[in-house]
């Protein structure tokens, strides 16, 4: 088996290559977009603010998506039991206020200041 690659390995390499190509194309398009914004007179601070807002929006959408998928998949997975394993606890979404306030303070501390 060592030295032989299965069809699944080739599929994974192809998927990885395809996703990298999509990322490179998206990056090139984004670079062009930013160059046009700078040429039209946007300051570097405005471009940086735009990039931060985009990153924040994407990360929040990803976090919400993960929570929704988790809430959707946990009940059916909790009903299925594997022999000799403990049952999964019920999904209970609760936010620790102290942790949320700490993360908010860190985010404000790390955010760029307006001059």
Protein backbone atom coordinates (compact mmCIF):
# COMPACT_ATOMS: atom_id res chain seq x y z
CA UNK A 1 0.00 0.00 0.00
CA UNK A 2 2.91 2.38 0.59
CA UNK A 3 3.77 4.18 -2.62
CA UNK A 4 0.34 3.63 -4.14
CA UNK A 5 -2.14 6.46 -4.32
CA UNK A 6 -5.82 5.73 -4.28
CA UNK A 7 -8.48 7.45 -6.34
CA UNK A 8 -9.56 9.32 -3.19
CA UNK A 9 -6.06 10.82 -2.86
CA UNK A 10 -6.18 12.09 -6.42
CA UNK A 11 -9.67 13.49 -5.80
CA UNK A 12 -8.45 15.32 -2.70
CA UNK A 13 -5.49 16.77 -4.59
CA UNK A 14 -7.84 17.92 -7.37
CA UNK A 15 -10.24 19.53 -4.90
CA UNK A 16 -7.36 21.28 -3.16
CA UNK A 17 -6.00 22.56 -6.47
CA UNK A 18 -9.45 23.78 -7.54
CA UNK A 19 -10.08 25.61 -4.27
CA UNK A 20 -6.66 27.26 -4.48
CA UNK A 21 -7.40 28.40 -8.02
CA UNK A 22 -10.70 29.93 -6.91
CA UNK A 23 -8.88 31.68 -4.07
CA UNK A 24 -6.24 33.07 -6.41
CA UNK A 25 -8.87 34.32 -8.86
CA UNK A 26 -10.87 35.94 -6.04
CA UNK A 27 -7.68 37.50 -4.68
CA UNK A 28 -6.77 38.93 -8.08
CA UNK A 29 -10.26 40.39 -8.47
CA UNK A 30 -10.08 41.87 -4.97
CA UNK A 31 -6.67 43.38 -5.71
CA UNK A 32 -8.09 45.04 -8.82
CA UNK A 33 -11.06 46.34 -6.83
CA UNK A 34 -8.77 47.87 -4.20
CA UNK A 35 -6.53 49.42 -6.86
CA UNK A 36 -9.57 51.06 -8.47
CA UNK A 37 -10.73 52.41 -5.11
CA UNK A 38 -7.29 53.86 -4.42
CA UNK A 39 -7.14 55.38 -7.92
CA UNK A 40 -10.52 57.03 -7.39
CA UNK A 41 -9.23 58.77 -4.27
CA UNK A 42 -9.97 56.50 -1.33
CA UNK A 43 -7.43 56.81 1.46
CA UNK A 44 -5.52 53.82 2.73
CA UNK A 45 -7.42 54.10 6.01
CA UNK A 46 -10.74 53.84 4.15
CA UNK A 47 -9.53 50.77 2.27
CA UNK A 48 -8.28 49.20 5.52
CA UNK A 49 -11.65 49.95 7.17
CA UNK A 50 -13.41 48.31 4.21
CA UNK A 51 -11.26 45.20 4.53
CA UNK A 52 -11.86 45.02 8.28
CA UNK A 53 -15.61 45.40 7.82
CA UNK A 54 -15.64 42.65 5.18
CA UNK A 55 -13.62 40.32 7.38
CA UNK A 56 -15.86 41.01 10.36
CA UNK A 57 -19.02 40.40 8.34
CA UNK A 58 -17.70 37.12 6.92
CA UNK A 59 -16.56 35.89 10.32
CA UNK A 60 -19.94 36.71 11.89
CA UNK A 61 -21.80 34.96 9.07
CA UNK A 62 -19.55 31.93 9.52
CA UNK A 63 -20.12 31.88 13.28
CA UNK A 64 -23.89 32.11 12.88
CA UNK A 65 -23.78 29.37 10.23
CA UNK A 66 -21.82 27.06 12.51
CA UNK A 67 -24.25 27.66 15.38
CA UNK A 68 -27.22 26.92 13.13
CA UNK A 69 -25.68 23.73 11.76
CA UNK A 70 -24.76 22.64 15.29
CA UNK A 71 -28.27 23.30 16.59
CA UNK A 72 -29.71 21.45 13.60
CA UNK A 73 -27.45 18.38 13.78
CA UNK A 74 -27.09 17.86 17.53
CA UNK A 75 -30.60 16.47 18.26
CA UNK A 76 -30.48 13.75 15.57
CA UNK A 77 -26.91 12.84 16.51
CA UNK A 78 -27.83 12.69 20.20
CA UNK A 79 -30.60 10.18 19.47
CA UNK A 80 -28.26 7.80 17.69
CA UNK A 81 -26.28 5.81 20.22
CA UNK A 82 -23.06 3.94 19.77
CA UNK A 83 -22.86 0.95 22.12
CA UNK A 84 -20.76 1.46 25.26
CA UNK A 85 -20.55 5.26 24.88
CA UNK A 86 -22.20 7.97 26.95
CA UNK A 87 -25.07 9.93 25.44
CA UNK A 88 -24.38 13.40 24.07
CA UNK A 89 -25.61 16.22 26.28
CA UNK A 90 -28.50 18.25 24.85
CA UNK A 91 -27.49 21.29 22.81
CA UNK A 92 -27.89 24.30 25.02
CA UNK A 93 -26.83 27.64 23.54
CA UNK A 94 -26.01 30.07 26.27
CA UNK A 95 -23.55 32.94 26.06
CA UNK A 96 -21.18 33.61 28.92
CA UNK A 97 -21.57 37.35 29.49
CA UNK A 98 -18.13 37.72 31.09
CA UNK A 99 -16.44 36.12 28.09
CA UNK A 100 -18.50 38.21 25.65
CA UNK A 101 -17.54 41.43 27.47
CA UNK A 102 -13.88 40.40 27.53
CA UNK A 103 -13.90 39.67 23.79
CA UNK A 104 -15.63 42.99 23.12
CA UNK A 105 -12.99 44.83 25.17
CA UNK A 106 -10.20 43.06 23.27
CA UNK A 107 -11.84 43.91 19.94
CA UNK A 108 -12.10 47.60 20.85
CA UNK A 109 -8.55 47.64 22.20
CA UNK A 110 -7.18 46.12 19.00
CA UNK A 111 -9.28 48.22 16.63
CA UNK A 112 -7.59 51.08 14.74
CA UNK A 113 -8.09 54.49 16.31
CA UNK A 114 -9.63 57.45 14.46
CA UNK A 115 -7.38 60.50 14.35
